[in-house]
Amino acid sequence: MEIYYSTFITGFQEVVKDALKKKLKDVQIDLVLDGLIMYKSNETLRRILTLRFFNNTFWLLQFFDGKEIFSVRDLIEIFLQKGNLIGQFPSKIIKDRRSFRVIVSEENRLVSTDKKMLENLENFLGKTFKLKINRAKPDIEIWFLKRREGFCFVGMRLTKTPNYKKILRKGELRPELAHILCLLSEPKPQDVFLDPFAGSGAIPLERTVLPYRQIIANDKDPKMYKYLKERVDKLKRRITVTNYDALDLQVMGNDTIDKIVTDPPWGIYEQEKFDLPDFYIKMVKEFLRVIRRNGLMVVLTAQKELFEKTMKHFYGKLVLIEKHDILVSGKKAAVYKIKKT
């Protein structure tokens, strides 16, 4: 079995662990950390790279438990001393790639290393993989990672993270976060799914890769509605796009929705007159009207204290199943999985 490690949004360890077991039937999970998972599988590389809940995936070249490693410099020295790699790296991965560079990270921060040591490391890796060094625009990146828990990883990066600043609209969720939110809703083929604050459509678009009966993407803003409808049509996704106030979804009958997954306004960028407590009360009230009994709601918000206070207002009508504290664009937030009782 080949060995990989993948990174994901912190706070979702159990969600990612369960999702990985469902996607890769033969998977053996060796280690789960906050934001990183190490595992073995015989699945094809193509299959591994389709896992949408990961940020990045690496082929594991070497792993150390960190007992004798106190810095990234120690990690590099030990790696050079051992000189052996885990498993046989498939030549097809580097077949059409000619160059590489080394990336060094300690406790999630990129760090520099001694010039002479870096040259020795580059020479060793270049000879091993028959690649030339290119520190500007390489075909491959080889990462030396030391975690705060002490574990150390050396891996060849198999994925390339898009420049989300260029391709995502302001406030649009990254696809891997949208996918995890959808997974939390326990997707089923018979689901009628609603995102009342769809915005650019990150959540409903990601939901289309999972089984469903109907997806409704709603947004009150006429311009956002027009943009989302055009985007859905262009991508040829089977999504119903609507233009209603999420606090008054008159077009939807009582008990007609199975799952609600949404990223409502956080109240951070709105005008001063925006009454967020009243907004959240009306929002949850409308959610409870349209969602079926035992239906699930997954809500992402930075207003944790306010949202939890709002849930207490509806005591006996809903129950909190899970809470995940995460970071979104550097801001503290939380994801709530709630069931209508």
C-alpha atoms as a PDB file:
ATOM      1  CA  MET A   1       0.000   0.000   0.000  1.00  0.00           C
ATOM      2  CA  GLU A   2       1.199   3.513  -0.767  1.00  0.00           C
ATOM      3  CA  ILE A   3       1.474   6.089   2.004  1.00  0.00           C
ATOM      4  CA  TYR A   4       0.069   9.619   1.774  1.00  0.00           C
ATOM      5  CA  TYR A   5      -0.600  12.536   4.037  1.00  0.00           C
ATOM      6  CA  SER A   6      -3.148  15.209   3.326  1.00  0.00           C
ATOM      7  CA  THR A   7      -3.996  18.551   4.890  1.00  0.00           C
ATOM      8  CA  PHE A   8      -7.475  19.890   5.592  1.00  0.00           C
ATOM      9  CA  ILE A   9      -9.229  22.756   7.391  1.00  0.00           C
ATOM     10  CA  THR A  10      -8.484  22.579  11.110  1.00  0.00           C
ATOM     11  CA  GLY A  11     -11.333  21.550  13.365  1.00  0.00           C
ATOM     12  CA  PHE A  12     -12.718  18.833  11.105  1.00  0.00           C
ATOM     13  CA  GLN A  13     -10.636  15.800  12.161  1.00  0.00           C
ATOM     14  CA  GLU A  14     -13.516  13.392  12.754  1.00  0.00           C
ATOM     15  CA  VAL A  15     -15.451  14.567   9.694  1.00  0.00           C
ATOM     16  CA  VAL A  16     -12.452  14.032   7.414  1.00  0.00           C
ATOM     17  CA  LYS A  17     -11.556  10.699   9.039  1.00  0.00           C
ATOM     18  CA  ASP A  18     -15.081   9.350   8.472  1.00  0.00           C
ATOM     19  CA  ALA A  19     -15.232  10.724   4.915  1.00  0.00           C
ATOM     20  CA  LEU A  20     -11.891   9.128   4.021  1.00  0.00           C
ATOM     21  CA  LYS A  21     -13.066   5.721   5.270  1.00  0.00           C
ATOM     22  CA  LYS A  22     -16.182   5.976   3.100  1.00  0.00           C
ATOM     23  CA  LYS A  23     -14.316   7.107  -0.019  1.00  0.00           C
ATOM     24  CA  LEU A  24     -11.395   4.644   0.172  1.00  0.00           C
ATOM     25  CA  LYS A  25     -12.663   1.229   1.208  1.00  0.00           C
ATOM     26  CA  ASP A  26      -9.158  -0.200   1.765  1.00  0.00           C
ATOM     27  CA  VAL A  27      -7.773   2.806   3.645  1.00  0.00           C
ATOM     28  CA  GLN A  28      -5.619   2.366   6.741  1.00  0.00           C
ATOM     29  CA  ILE A  29      -5.376   5.536   8.827  1.00  0.00           C
ATOM     30  CA  ASP A  30      -2.084   5.796  10.730  1.00  0.00           C
ATOM     31  CA  LEU A  31      -2.274   9.267  12.276  1.00  0.00           C
ATOM     32  CA  VAL A  32      -4.831  12.055  12.635  1.00  0.00           C
ATOM     33  CA  LEU A  33      -3.750  15.530  13.713  1.00  0.00           C
ATOM     34  CA  ASP A  34      -5.573  18.844  13.649  1.00  0.00           C
ATOM     35  CA  GLY A  35      -5.510  19.662   9.947  1.00  0.00           C
ATOM     36  CA  LEU A  36      -3.454  16.645   8.800  1.00  0.00           C
ATOM     37  CA  ILE A  37      -4.077  12.932   8.248  1.00  0.00           C
ATOM     38  CA  MET A  38      -1.597  10.174   7.293  1.00  0.00           C
ATOM     39  CA  TYR A  39      -2.962   7.040   5.635  1.00  0.00           C
ATOM     40  CA  LYS A  40      -2.254   4.040   3.370  1.00  0.00           C
ATOM     41  CA  SER A  41      -4.232   2.905   0.340  1.00  0.00           C
ATOM     42  CA  ASN A  42      -3.941   0.826  -2.824  1.00  0.00           C
ATOM     43  CA  GLU A  43      -6.334   3.121  -4.668  1.00  0.00           C
ATOM     44  CA  THR A  44      -5.092   4.770  -7.852  1.00  0.00           C
ATOM     45  CA  LEU A  45      -3.475   8.180  -7.601  1.00  0.00           C
ATOM     46  CA  ARG A  46      -6.265   9.580  -9.756  1.00  0.00           C
ATOM     47  CA  ARG A  47      -8.782   8.392  -7.161  1.00  0.00           C
ATOM     48  CA  ILE A  48      -6.759   9.871  -4.292  1.00  0.00           C
ATOM     49  CA  LEU A  49      -6.663  13.246  -6.009  1.00  0.00           C
ATOM     50  CA  THR A  50     -10.458  13.373  -6.359  1.00  0.00           C
ATOM     51  CA  LEU A  51     -10.948  13.676  -2.570  1.00  0.00           C
ATOM     52  CA  ARG A  52     -12.509  17.122  -2.363  1.00  0.00           C
ATOM     53  CA  PHE A  53     -12.299  17.626   1.410  1.00  0.00           C
ATOM     54  CA  PHE A  54      -8.494  17.978   1.348  1.00  0.00           C
ATOM     55  CA  ASN A  55      -6.495  21.183   0.816  1.00  0.00           C
ATOM     56  CA  ASN A  56      -3.379  19.363  -0.407  1.00  0.00           C
ATOM     57  CA  THR A  57      -2.109  15.799  -0.681  1.00  0.00           C
ATOM     58  CA  PHE A  58       1.489  14.569  -0.470  1.00  0.00           C
ATOM     59  CA  TRP A  59       3.270  11.323  -1.259  1.00  0.00           C
ATOM     60  CA  LEU A  60       5.065  10.423   1.965  1.00  0.00           C
ATOM     61  CA  LEU A  61       8.838  10.107   1.489  1.00  0.00           C
ATOM     62  CA  GLN A  62       9.787   9.888   5.158  1.00  0.00           C
ATOM     63  CA  PHE A  63       8.116  10.168   8.565  1.00  0.00           C
ATOM     64  CA  PHE A  64       9.655  10.805  11.997  1.00  0.00           C
ATOM     65  CA  ASP A  65       7.895  10.742  15.357  1.00  0.00           C
ATOM     66  CA  GLY A  66       9.977  13.761  16.397  1.00  0.00           C
ATOM     67  CA  LYS A  67      11.494  12.358  19.599  1.00  0.00           C
ATOM     68  CA  GLU A  68      15.002  13.401  18.541  1.00  0.00           C
ATOM     69  CA  ILE A  69      14.027  16.294  16.289  1.00  0.00           C
ATOM     70  CA  PHE A  70      13.815  19.752  17.828  1.00  0.00           C
ATOM     71  CA  SER A  71      13.921  21.880  14.662  1.00  0.00           C
ATOM     72  CA  VAL A  72      13.573  21.651  10.890  1.00  0.00           C
ATOM     73  CA  ARG A  73      17.380  21.715  10.708  1.00  0.00           C
ATOM     74  CA  ASP A  74      17.441  18.497  12.762  1.00  0.00           C
ATOM     75  CA  LEU A  75      14.836  17.025  10.423  1.00  0.00           C
ATOM     76  CA  ILE A  76      16.941  17.752   7.326  1.00  0.00           C
ATOM     77  CA  GLU A  77      20.132  16.428   8.925  1.00  0.00           C
ATOM     78  CA  ILE A  78      18.485  13.145   9.947  1.00  0.00           C
ATOM     79  CA  PHE A  79      16.849  12.804   6.535  1.00  0.00           C
ATOM     80  CA  LEU A  80      20.228  13.183   4.799  1.00  0.00           C
ATOM     81  CA  GLN A  81      21.850  10.722   7.191  1.00  0.00           C
ATOM     82  CA  LYS A  82      19.221   8.052   6.597  1.00  0.00           C
ATOM     83  CA  GLY A  83      19.197   8.583   2.846  1.00  0.00           C
ATOM     84  CA  ASN A  84      16.338   6.152   2.260  1.00  0.00           C
ATOM     85  CA  LEU A  85      12.748   6.812   1.238  1.00  0.00           C
ATOM     86  CA  ILE A  86       9.521   5.049   2.150  1.00  0.00           C
ATOM     87  CA  GLY A  87       8.247   2.827  -0.660  1.00  0.00           C
ATOM     88  CA  GLN A  88       8.910   3.051  -4.376  1.00  0.00           C
ATOM     89  CA  PHE A  89       7.857   6.349  -5.856  1.00  0.00           C
ATOM     90  CA  PRO A  90       6.022   5.737  -9.173  1.00  0.00           C
ATOM     91  CA  SER A  91       7.991   7.082 -12.098  1.00  0.00           C
ATOM     92  CA  LYS A  92       4.810   8.110 -13.934  1.00  0.00           C
ATOM     93  CA  ILE A  93       4.269  10.947 -11.441  1.00  0.00           C
ATOM     94  CA  ILE A  94       7.554  12.612 -12.341  1.00  0.00           C
ATOM     95  CA  LYS A  95       7.647  11.366 -15.933  1.00  0.00           C
ATOM     96  CA  ASP A  96       6.919  14.739 -17.519  1.00  0.00           C
ATOM     97  CA  ARG A  97       8.385  16.865 -14.740  1.00  0.00           C
ATOM     98  CA  ARG A  98      11.883  18.218 -14.913  1.00  0.00           C
ATOM     99  CA  SER A  99      12.423  20.504 -11.913  1.00  0.00           C
ATOM    100  CA  PHE A 100      11.783  20.816  -8.195  1.00  0.00           C
ATOM    101  CA  ARG A 101      12.249  23.035  -5.178  1.00  0.00           C
ATOM    102  CA  VAL A 102      12.362  22.450  -1.432  1.00  0.00           C
ATOM    103  CA  ILE A 103       9.784  23.991   0.924  1.00  0.00           C
ATOM    104  CA  VAL A 104      10.484  24.022   4.664  1.00  0.00           C
ATOM    105  CA  SER A 105       7.669  24.552   7.175  1.00  0.00           C
ATOM    106  CA  GLU A 106       7.708  24.603  10.963  1.00  0.00           C
ATOM    107  CA  GLU A 107       4.456  24.809  12.925  1.00  0.00           C
ATOM    108  CA  ASN A 108       2.569  25.985   9.814  1.00  0.00           C
ATOM    109  CA  ARG A 109       5.078  28.747   9.017  1.00  0.00           C
ATOM    110  CA  LEU A 110       7.420  28.740   6.050  1.00  0.00           C
ATOM    111  CA  VAL A 111      11.019  29.095   7.259  1.00  0.00           C
ATOM    112  CA  SER A 112      14.435  29.481   5.648  1.00  0.00           C
ATOM    113  CA  THR A 113      17.324  27.101   6.226  1.00  0.00           C
ATOM    114  CA  ASP A 114      21.121  27.111   6.129  1.00  0.00           C
ATOM    115  CA  LYS A 115      22.391  27.737   2.581  1.00  0.00           C
ATOM    116  CA  LYS A 116      24.956  24.924   2.601  1.00  0.00           C
ATOM    117  CA  MET A 117      22.491  22.443   4.096  1.00  0.00           C
ATOM    118  CA  LEU A 118      19.897  23.408   1.499  1.00  0.00           C
ATOM    119  CA  GLU A 119      22.404  22.827  -1.313  1.00  0.00           C
ATOM    120  CA  ASN A 120      23.266  19.368   0.057  1.00  0.00           C
ATOM    121  CA  LEU A 121      19.586  18.548   0.318  1.00  0.00           C
ATOM    122  CA  GLU A 122      18.871  19.751  -3.211  1.00  0.00           C
ATOM    123  CA  ASN A 123      21.795  17.731  -4.605  1.00  0.00           C
ATOM    124  CA  PHE A 124      20.568  14.570  -2.889  1.00  0.00           C
ATOM    125  CA  LEU A 125      16.959  14.994  -4.048  1.00  0.00           C
ATOM    126  CA  GLY A 126      18.019  16.009  -7.558  1.00  0.00           C
ATOM    127  CA  LYS A 127      20.066  12.841  -8.004  1.00  0.00           C
ATOM    128  CA  THR A 128      17.399  10.633  -6.422  1.00  0.00           C
ATOM    129  CA  PHE A 129      14.589  11.818  -8.697  1.00  0.00           C
ATOM    130  CA  LYS A 130      16.726  12.948 -11.660  1.00  0.00           C
ATOM    131  CA  LEU A 131      15.356  16.474 -11.427  1.00  0.00           C
ATOM    132  CA  LYS A 132      16.927  19.916 -11.726  1.00  0.00           C
ATOM    133  CA  ILE A 133      16.535  22.574  -9.074  1.00  0.00           C
ATOM    134  CA  ASN A 134      14.235  25.487  -9.918  1.00  0.00           C
ATOM    135  CA  ARG A 135      13.347  27.681  -6.958  1.00  0.00           C
ATOM    136  CA  ALA A 136      11.082  30.003  -8.927  1.00  0.00           C
ATOM    137  CA  LYS A 137       8.649  27.886 -10.983  1.00  0.00           C
ATOM    138  CA  PRO A 138       9.280  24.191 -10.324  1.00  0.00           C
ATOM    139  CA  ASP A 139       7.283  21.227 -11.594  1.00  0.00           C
ATOM    140  CA  ILE A 140       7.433  19.563  -8.166  1.00  0.00           C
ATOM    141  CA  GLU A 141       7.669  20.687  -4.542  1.00  0.00           C
ATOM    142  CA  ILE A 142       9.249  18.541  -1.844  1.00  0.00           C
ATOM    143  CA  TRP A 143       8.134  19.605   1.630  1.00  0.00           C
ATOM    144  CA  PHE A 144       9.918  19.250   4.970  1.00  0.00           C
ATOM    145  CA  LEU A 145       7.279  19.767   7.628  1.00  0.00           C
ATOM    146  CA  LYS A 146       7.646  19.856  11.400  1.00  0.00           C
ATOM    147  CA  ARG A 147       4.393  19.965  13.353  1.00  0.00           C
ATOM    148  CA  ARG A 148       3.927  21.541  16.768  1.00  0.00           C
ATOM    149  CA  GLU A 149       3.014  18.069  18.111  1.00  0.00           C
ATOM    150  CA  GLY A 150       6.552  16.967  17.215  1.00  0.00           C
ATOM    151  CA  PHE A 151       5.732  14.789  14.212  1.00  0.00           C
ATOM    152  CA  CYS A 152       7.813  15.422  11.082  1.00  0.00           C
ATOM    153  CA  PHE A 153       6.946  14.696   7.464  1.00  0.00           C
ATOM    154  CA  VAL A 154       8.913  14.727   4.217  1.00  0.00           C
ATOM    155  CA  GLY A 155       6.601  14.562   1.227  1.00  0.00           C
ATOM    156  CA  MET A 156       6.270  15.259  -2.462  1.00  0.00           C
ATOM    157  CA  ARG A 157       3.300  17.499  -3.118  1.00  0.00           C
ATOM    158  CA  LEU A 158       0.831  15.931  -5.547  1.00  0.00           C
ATOM    159  CA  THR A 159      -1.695  18.767  -5.713  1.00  0.00           C
ATOM    160  CA  LYS A 160      -1.554  22.411  -6.670  1.00  0.00           C
ATOM    161  CA  THR A 161      -3.749  24.782  -4.689  1.00  0.00           C
ATOM    162  CA  PRO A 162      -5.390  27.402  -6.943  1.00  0.00           C
ATOM    163  CA  ASN A 163      -4.833  31.074  -6.273  1.00  0.00           C
ATOM    164  CA  TYR A 164      -8.183  31.572  -4.591  1.00  0.00           C
ATOM    165  CA  LYS A 165      -7.674  35.333  -4.338  1.00  0.00           C
ATOM    166  CA  LYS A 166      -7.931  35.454  -8.125  1.00  0.00           C
ATOM    167  CA  ILE A 167     -10.674  32.916  -8.802  1.00  0.00           C
ATOM    168  CA  LEU A 168     -13.069  33.363  -5.852  1.00  0.00           C
ATOM    169  CA  ARG A 169     -15.379  36.319  -5.395  1.00  0.00           C
ATOM    170  CA  LYS A 170     -15.293  38.321  -2.170  1.00  0.00           C
ATOM    171  CA  GLY A 171     -16.791  36.265   0.646  1.00  0.00           C
ATOM    172  CA  GLU A 172     -16.994  33.059  -1.431  1.00  0.00           C
ATOM    173  CA  LEU A 173     -16.080  29.890   0.469  1.00  0.00           C
ATOM    174  CA  ARG A 174     -13.237  27.675  -0.672  1.00  0.00           C
ATOM    175  CA  PRO A 175     -14.530  24.473  -2.356  1.00  0.00           C
ATOM    176  CA  GLU A 176     -13.004  22.158   0.263  1.00  0.00           C
ATOM    177  CA  LEU A 177     -14.829  24.000   3.073  1.00  0.00           C
ATOM    178  CA  ALA A 178     -18.099  23.994   1.134  1.00  0.00           C
ATOM    179  CA  HIS A 179     -17.665  20.260   0.547  1.00  0.00           C
ATOM    180  CA  ILE A 180     -17.133  19.499   4.244  1.00  0.00           C
ATOM    181  CA  LEU A 181     -20.230  21.539   5.140  1.00  0.00           C
ATOM    182  CA  CYS A 182     -22.225  19.440   2.681  1.00  0.00           C
ATOM    183  CA  LEU A 183     -20.784  16.205   4.106  1.00  0.00           C
ATOM    184  CA  LEU A 184     -21.881  17.253   7.590  1.00  0.00           C
ATOM    185  CA  SER A 185     -25.482  17.333   6.360  1.00  0.00           C
ATOM    186  CA  GLU A 186     -25.348  13.554   5.725  1.00  0.00           C
ATOM    187  CA  PRO A 187     -26.211  13.766   1.998  1.00  0.00           C
ATOM    188  CA  LYS A 188     -28.728  11.283   0.617  1.00  0.00           C
ATOM    189  CA  PRO A 189     -30.183  10.741  -2.886  1.00  0.00           C
ATOM    190  CA  GLN A 190     -33.684  11.796  -1.793  1.00  0.00           C
ATOM    191  CA  ASP A 191     -32.578  15.133  -0.277  1.00  0.00           C
ATOM    192  CA  VAL A 192     -34.283  18.403  -1.074  1.00  0.00           C
ATOM    193  CA  PHE A 193     -31.406  20.736  -0.247  1.00  0.00           C
ATOM    194  CA  LEU A 194     -31.503  24.491   0.412  1.00  0.00           C
ATOM    195  CA  ASP A 195     -28.891  27.209   0.807  1.00  0.00           C
ATOM    196  CA  PRO A 196     -30.913  30.339   1.722  1.00  0.00           C
ATOM    197  CA  PHE A 197     -27.836  32.619   1.518  1.00  0.00           C
ATOM    198  CA  ALA A 198     -26.209  31.095  -1.557  1.00  0.00           C
ATOM    199  CA  GLY A 199     -24.183  34.135  -2.616  1.00  0.00           C
ATOM    200  CA  SER A 200     -21.767  33.073  -5.362  1.00  0.00           C
ATOM    201  CA  GLY A 201     -22.960  29.498  -5.046  1.00  0.00           C
ATOM    202  CA  ALA A 202     -19.996  27.717  -3.435  1.00  0.00           C
ATOM    203  CA  ILE A 203     -22.160  25.472  -1.243  1.00  0.00           C
ATOM    204  CA  PRO A 204     -24.921  24.461  -3.726  1.00  0.00           C
ATOM    205  CA  LEU A 205     -22.385  23.954  -6.521  1.00  0.00           C
ATOM    206  CA  GLU A 206     -20.334  21.662  -4.309  1.00  0.00           C
ATOM    207  CA  ARG A 207     -23.491  19.808  -3.285  1.00  0.00           C
ATOM    208  CA  THR A 208     -24.031  18.743  -6.905  1.00  0.00           C
ATOM    209  CA  VAL A 209     -21.108  16.293  -6.673  1.00  0.00           C
ATOM    210  CA  LEU A 210     -23.040  14.384  -3.977  1.00  0.00           C
ATOM    211  CA  PRO A 211     -26.394  12.553  -4.370  1.00  0.00           C
ATOM    212  CA  TYR A 212     -29.573  14.670  -4.203  1.00  0.00           C
ATOM    213  CA  ARG A 213     -33.135  15.024  -5.504  1.00  0.00           C
ATOM    214  CA  GLN A 214     -33.290  18.819  -5.677  1.00  0.00           C
ATOM    215  CA  ILE A 215     -30.975  21.700  -4.836  1.00  0.00           C
ATOM    216  CA  ILE A 216     -32.323  25.199  -4.231  1.00  0.00           C
ATOM    217  CA  ALA A 217     -29.882  28.109  -4.162  1.00  0.00           C
ATOM    218  CA  ASN A 218     -31.458  31.323  -2.914  1.00  0.00           C
ATOM    219  CA  ASP A 219     -30.130  34.857  -2.570  1.00  0.00           C
ATOM    220  CA  LYS A 220     -31.970  38.094  -1.852  1.00  0.00           C
ATOM    221  CA  ASP A 221     -29.568  40.350  -3.788  1.00  0.00           C
ATOM    222  CA  PRO A 222     -30.824  40.723  -7.408  1.00  0.00           C
ATOM    223  CA  LYS A 223     -27.279  41.145  -8.750  1.00  0.00           C
ATOM    224  CA  MET A 224     -26.030  38.073  -6.908  1.00  0.00           C
ATOM    225  CA  TYR A 225     -29.102  36.135  -8.068  1.00  0.00           C
ATOM    226  CA  LYS A 226     -28.377  37.051 -11.686  1.00  0.00           C
ATOM    227  CA  TYR A 227     -24.692  36.133 -11.345  1.00  0.00           C
ATOM    228  CA  LEU A 228     -25.474  32.788  -9.714  1.00  0.00           C
ATOM    229  CA  LYS A 229     -28.122  31.890 -12.292  1.00  0.00           C
ATOM    230  CA  GLU A 230     -25.701  32.629 -15.128  1.00  0.00           C
ATOM    231  CA  ARG A 231     -22.980  30.631 -13.385  1.00  0.00           C
ATOM    232  CA  VAL A 232     -25.255  27.619 -12.854  1.00  0.00           C
ATOM    233  CA  ASP A 233     -26.395  27.721 -16.483  1.00  0.00           C
ATOM    234  CA  LYS A 234     -22.823  27.970 -17.735  1.00  0.00           C
ATOM    235  CA  LEU A 235     -21.703  25.017 -15.622  1.00  0.00           C
ATOM    236  CA  LYS A 236     -24.874  23.097 -16.578  1.00  0.00           C
ATOM    237  CA  ARG A 237     -25.689  22.159 -12.991  1.00  0.00           C
ATOM    238  CA  ARG A 238     -29.145  20.992 -11.948  1.00  0.00           C
ATOM    239  CA  ILE A 239     -29.834  23.734  -9.400  1.00  0.00           C
ATOM    240  CA  THR A 240     -32.973  25.809  -8.870  1.00  0.00           C
ATOM    241  CA  VAL A 241     -31.897  29.437  -8.321  1.00  0.00           C
ATOM    242  CA  THR A 242     -34.370  31.694  -6.490  1.00  0.00           C
ATOM    243  CA  ASN A 243     -34.476  35.349  -5.457  1.00  0.00           C
ATOM    244  CA  TYR A 244     -36.275  35.677  -2.102  1.00  0.00           C
ATOM    245  CA  ASP A 245     -35.638  37.078   1.361  1.00  0.00           C
ATOM    246  CA  ALA A 246     -34.193  34.195   3.404  1.00  0.00           C
ATOM    247  CA  LEU A 247     -36.214  35.444   6.384  1.00  0.00           C
ATOM    248  CA  ASP A 248     -39.481  35.074   4.474  1.00  0.00           C
ATOM    249  CA  LEU A 249     -39.336  32.153   2.033  1.00  0.00           C
ATOM    250  CA  GLN A 250     -43.021  32.384   1.097  1.00  0.00           C
ATOM    251  CA  VAL A 251     -42.562  30.278  -2.028  1.00  0.00           C
ATOM    252  CA  MET A 252     -41.561  27.276   0.102  1.00  0.00           C
ATOM    253  CA  GLY A 253     -44.171  25.339   2.033  1.00  0.00           C
ATOM    254  CA  ASN A 254     -43.899  24.100   5.608  1.00  0.00           C
ATOM    255  CA  ASP A 255     -41.817  20.953   6.137  1.00  0.00           C
ATOM    256  CA  THR A 256     -40.590  20.736   2.530  1.00  0.00           C
ATOM    257  CA  ILE A 257     -36.798  20.836   2.938  1.00  0.00           C
ATOM    258  CA  ASP A 258     -34.592  17.942   4.111  1.00  0.00           C
ATOM    259  CA  LYS A 259     -31.267  19.735   4.535  1.00  0.00           C
ATOM    260  CA  ILE A 260     -30.186  23.353   4.956  1.00  0.00           C
ATOM    261  CA  VAL A 261     -26.494  24.185   4.603  1.00  0.00           C
ATOM    262  CA  THR A 262     -25.589  27.849   4.622  1.00  0.00           C
ATOM    263  CA  ASP A 263     -23.159  30.645   5.432  1.00  0.00           C
ATOM    264  CA  PRO A 264     -25.427  33.490   6.638  1.00  0.00           C
ATOM    265  CA  PRO A 265     -24.277  37.095   7.175  1.00  0.00           C
ATOM    266  CA  TRP A 266     -21.825  37.393  10.044  1.00  0.00           C
ATOM    267  CA  GLY A 267     -22.694  41.037  10.700  1.00  0.00           C
ATOM    268  CA  ILE A 268     -19.048  42.071  10.416  1.00  0.00           C
ATOM    269  CA  TYR A 269     -19.273  44.097   7.221  1.00  0.00           C
ATOM    270  CA  GLU A 270     -22.908  45.257   7.412  1.00  0.00           C
ATOM    271  CA  GLN A 271     -23.979  48.796   8.220  1.00  0.00           C
ATOM    272  CA  GLU A 272     -24.305  49.858  11.860  1.00  0.00           C
ATOM    273  CA  LYS A 273     -28.115  49.693  11.788  1.00  0.00           C
ATOM    274  CA  PHE A 274     -28.036  45.969  10.988  1.00  0.00           C
ATOM    275  CA  ASP A 275     -29.829  44.257  13.922  1.00  0.00           C
ATOM    276  CA  LEU A 276     -27.993  40.923  13.949  1.00  0.00           C
ATOM    277  CA  PRO A 277     -29.694  39.367  17.020  1.00  0.00           C
ATOM    278  CA  ASP A 278     -33.146  40.004  15.530  1.00  0.00           C
ATOM    279  CA  PHE A 279     -31.898  38.776  12.148  1.00  0.00           C
ATOM    280  CA  TYR A 280     -30.682  35.453  13.578  1.00  0.00           C
ATOM    281  CA  ILE A 281     -33.945  34.886  15.485  1.00  0.00           C
ATOM    282  CA  LYS A 282     -36.002  35.398  12.311  1.00  0.00           C
ATOM    283  CA  MET A 283     -33.571  33.282  10.296  1.00  0.00           C
ATOM    284  CA  VAL A 284     -33.782  30.233  12.569  1.00  0.00           C
ATOM    285  CA  LYS A 285     -37.554  30.627  12.859  1.00  0.00           C
ATOM    286  CA  GLU A 286     -37.889  30.469   9.068  1.00  0.00           C
ATOM    287  CA  PHE A 287     -35.476  27.529   8.856  1.00  0.00           C
ATOM    288  CA  LEU A 288     -37.617  25.618  11.348  1.00  0.00           C
ATOM    289  CA  ARG A 289     -40.739  26.352   9.307  1.00  0.00           C
ATOM    290  CA  VAL A 290     -39.473  25.012   5.993  1.00  0.00           C
ATOM    291  CA  ILE A 291     -37.368  22.079   7.186  1.00  0.00           C
ATOM    292  CA  ARG A 292     -38.890  18.666   7.822  1.00  0.00           C
ATOM    293  CA  ARG A 293     -38.939  16.931  11.195  1.00  0.00           C
ATOM    294  CA  ASN A 294     -35.496  15.393  11.876  1.00  0.00           C
ATOM    295  CA  GLY A 295     -34.117  17.521   9.055  1.00  0.00           C
ATOM    296  CA  LEU A 296     -30.539  18.770   9.419  1.00  0.00           C
ATOM    297  CA  MET A 297     -29.176  22.323   9.362  1.00  0.00           C
ATOM    298  CA  VAL A 298     -25.477  23.122   8.980  1.00  0.00           C
ATOM    299  CA  VAL A 299     -24.645  26.759   9.730  1.00  0.00           C
ATOM    300  CA  LEU A 300     -21.282  28.507   9.454  1.00  0.00           C
ATOM    301  CA  THR A 301     -20.848  31.738  11.422  1.00  0.00           C
ATOM    302  CA  ALA A 302     -18.291  33.833  13.256  1.00  0.00           C
ATOM    303  CA  GLN A 303     -21.008  35.038  15.632  1.00  0.00           C
ATOM    304  CA  LYS A 304     -20.687  31.998  17.894  1.00  0.00           C
ATOM    305  CA  GLU A 305     -21.976  33.535  21.129  1.00  0.00           C
ATOM    306  CA  LEU A 306     -24.928  35.159  19.393  1.00  0.00           C
ATOM    307  CA  PHE A 307     -25.873  32.044  17.439  1.00  0.00           C
ATOM    308  CA  GLU A 308     -25.717  29.835  20.519  1.00  0.00           C
ATOM    309  CA  LYS A 309     -27.934  32.334  22.349  1.00  0.00           C
ATOM    310  CA  THR A 310     -30.322  32.185  19.394  1.00  0.00           C
ATOM    311  CA  MET A 311     -30.503  28.390  19.600  1.00  0.00           C
ATOM    312  CA  LYS A 312     -31.473  28.634  23.277  1.00  0.00           C
ATOM    313  CA  HIS A 313     -34.409  30.791  22.183  1.00  0.00           C
ATOM    314  CA  PHE A 314     -35.725  27.740  20.290  1.00  0.00           C
ATOM    315  CA  TYR A 315     -35.131  25.226  23.091  1.00  0.00           C
ATOM    316  CA  GLY A 316     -37.108  22.048  22.506  1.00  0.00           C
ATOM    317  CA  LYS A 317     -37.461  22.670  18.769  1.00  0.00           C
ATOM    318  CA  LEU A 318     -33.902  21.920  17.733  1.00  0.00           C
ATOM    319  CA  VAL A 319     -30.917  20.036  19.111  1.00  0.00           C
ATOM    320  CA  LEU A 320     -27.218  20.657  18.559  1.00  0.00           C
ATOM    321  CA  ILE A 321     -25.549  17.531  17.125  1.00  0.00           C
ATOM    322  CA  GLU A 322     -22.016  18.826  16.514  1.00  0.00           C
ATOM    323  CA  LYS A 323     -19.960  22.000  16.785  1.00  0.00           C
ATOM    324  CA  HIS A 324     -16.638  22.531  15.007  1.00  0.00           C
ATOM    325  CA  ASP A 325     -14.438  25.529  15.807  1.00  0.00           C
ATOM    326  CA  ILE A 326     -12.502  26.562  12.699  1.00  0.00           C
ATOM    327  CA  LEU A 327     -10.737  29.483  11.021  1.00  0.00           C
ATOM    328  CA  VAL A 328     -12.115  31.113   7.867  1.00  0.00           C
ATOM    329  CA  SER A 329      -9.755  33.581   6.179  1.00  0.00           C
ATOM    330  CA  GLY A 330      -7.948  33.958   9.496  1.00  0.00           C
ATOM    331  CA  LYS A 331     -11.130  34.702  11.448  1.00  0.00           C
ATOM    332  CA  LYS A 332     -12.442  32.477  14.241  1.00  0.00           C
ATOM    333  CA  ALA A 333     -15.704  30.830  13.275  1.00  0.00           C
ATOM    334  CA  ALA A 334     -17.751  27.741  14.042  1.00  0.00           C
ATOM    335  CA  VAL A 335     -19.871  25.224  12.173  1.00  0.00           C
ATOM    336  CA  TYR A 336     -23.069  24.026  13.858  1.00  0.00           C
ATOM    337  CA  LYS A 337     -24.884  20.837  12.877  1.00  0.00           C
ATOM    338  CA  ILE A 338     -28.452  21.013  14.168  1.00  0.00           C
ATOM    339  CA  LYS A 339     -31.474  18.732  13.961  1.00  0.00           C
ATOM    340  CA  LYS A 340     -35.106  19.792  14.028  1.00  0.00           C
ATOM    341  CA  THR A 341     -36.835  17.785  16.761  1.00  0.00           C
END
